[in-house]
């Protein structure tokens, strides 16, 4: 996980998981709309997964 990807997770979570598939983007987008912190946490988890 690169520093750029972590910063992208913090600044705009849905953009950080764009290469992980449509489902991941949708989940992170909805969590970001519900609250910024849940979106960031979900994005970090998805990006950290191999």
C-alpha atoms as a PDB file:
ATOM      1  CA  UNK A   1       0.000   0.000   0.000  1.00  0.00           C
ATOM      2  CA  UNK A   2       1.578   3.244  -1.129  1.00  0.00           C
ATOM      3  CA  UNK A   3       1.501   6.595   0.613  1.00  0.00           C
ATOM      4  CA  UNK A   4      -0.402   8.086  -2.327  1.00  0.00           C
ATOM      5  CA  UNK A   5      -3.128   5.454  -2.015  1.00  0.00           C
ATOM      6  CA  UNK A   6      -3.442   6.084   1.746  1.00  0.00           C
ATOM      7  CA  UNK A   7      -3.755   9.827   1.176  1.00  0.00           C
ATOM      8  CA  UNK A   8      -6.369   9.184  -1.481  1.00  0.00           C
ATOM      9  CA  UNK A   9      -8.273   6.981   0.988  1.00  0.00           C
ATOM     10  CA  UNK A  10      -8.298   9.825   3.473  1.00  0.00           C
ATOM     11  CA  UNK A  11      -9.153  12.633   1.043  1.00  0.00           C
ATOM     12  CA  UNK A  12     -11.656  10.892  -1.277  1.00  0.00           C
ATOM     13  CA  UNK A  13     -12.299   7.242  -0.361  1.00  0.00           C
ATOM     14  CA  UNK A  14     -14.341   6.128  -3.430  1.00  0.00           C
ATOM     15  CA  UNK A  15     -11.576   7.185  -5.811  1.00  0.00           C
ATOM     16  CA  UNK A  16      -9.027   5.087  -3.907  1.00  0.00           C
ATOM     17  CA  UNK A  17     -10.956   1.838  -4.499  1.00  0.00           C
ATOM     18  CA  UNK A  18     -11.893   2.479  -8.140  1.00  0.00           C
ATOM     19  CA  UNK A  19      -9.719  -0.418  -9.373  1.00  0.00           C
ATOM     20  CA  UNK A  20     -11.210  -2.937  -6.898  1.00  0.00           C
ATOM     21  CA  UNK A  21     -14.572  -3.269  -8.683  1.00  0.00           C
ATOM     22  CA  UNK A  22     -17.982  -1.697  -8.831  1.00  0.00           C
ATOM     23  CA  UNK A  23     -19.244  -3.248  -5.592  1.00  0.00           C
ATOM     24  CA  UNK A  24     -16.373  -1.860  -3.546  1.00  0.00           C
ATOM     25  CA  UNK A  25     -16.814   1.606  -5.005  1.00  0.00           C
ATOM     26  CA  UNK A  26     -20.543   1.547  -4.262  1.00  0.00           C
ATOM     27  CA  UNK A  27     -20.079   0.380  -0.677  1.00  0.00           C
ATOM     28  CA  UNK A  28     -17.387   2.952   0.047  1.00  0.00           C
ATOM     29  CA  UNK A  29     -19.421   5.699  -1.641  1.00  0.00           C
ATOM     30  CA  UNK A  30     -22.503   4.926   0.445  1.00  0.00           C
ATOM     31  CA  UNK A  31     -20.469   4.752   3.650  1.00  0.00           C
ATOM     32  CA  UNK A  32     -18.830   8.067   2.764  1.00  0.00           C
ATOM     33  CA  UNK A  33     -22.247   9.633   2.281  1.00  0.00           C
ATOM     34  CA  UNK A  34     -23.366   8.258   5.648  1.00  0.00           C
ATOM     35  CA  UNK A  35     -20.259   9.630   7.325  1.00  0.00           C
ATOM     36  CA  UNK A  36     -16.747  10.435   6.276  1.00  0.00           C
ATOM     37  CA  UNK A  37     -15.025   8.246   8.894  1.00  0.00           C
ATOM     38  CA  UNK A  38     -16.810   4.976   7.936  1.00  0.00           C
ATOM     39  CA  UNK A  39     -15.941   5.612   4.289  1.00  0.00           C
ATOM     40  CA  UNK A  40     -12.272   6.141   5.106  1.00  0.00           C
ATOM     41  CA  UNK A  41     -12.122   3.024   7.265  1.00  0.00           C
ATOM     42  CA  UNK A  42     -13.809   0.890   4.593  1.00  0.00           C
ATOM     43  CA  UNK A  43     -11.511   2.261   1.886  1.00  0.00           C
ATOM     44  CA  UNK A  44      -8.410   1.527   3.966  1.00  0.00           C
ATOM     45  CA  UNK A  45      -9.613  -2.026   4.627  1.00  0.00           C
ATOM     46  CA  UNK A  46     -10.399  -2.679   0.963  1.00  0.00           C
ATOM     47  CA  UNK A  47      -7.120  -1.189  -0.280  1.00  0.00           C
ATOM     48  CA  UNK A  48      -5.102  -3.119   2.321  1.00  0.00           C
ATOM     49  CA  UNK A  49      -6.649  -6.441   1.270  1.00  0.00           C
ATOM     50  CA  UNK A  50      -4.675  -8.362  -1.354  1.00  0.00           C
END
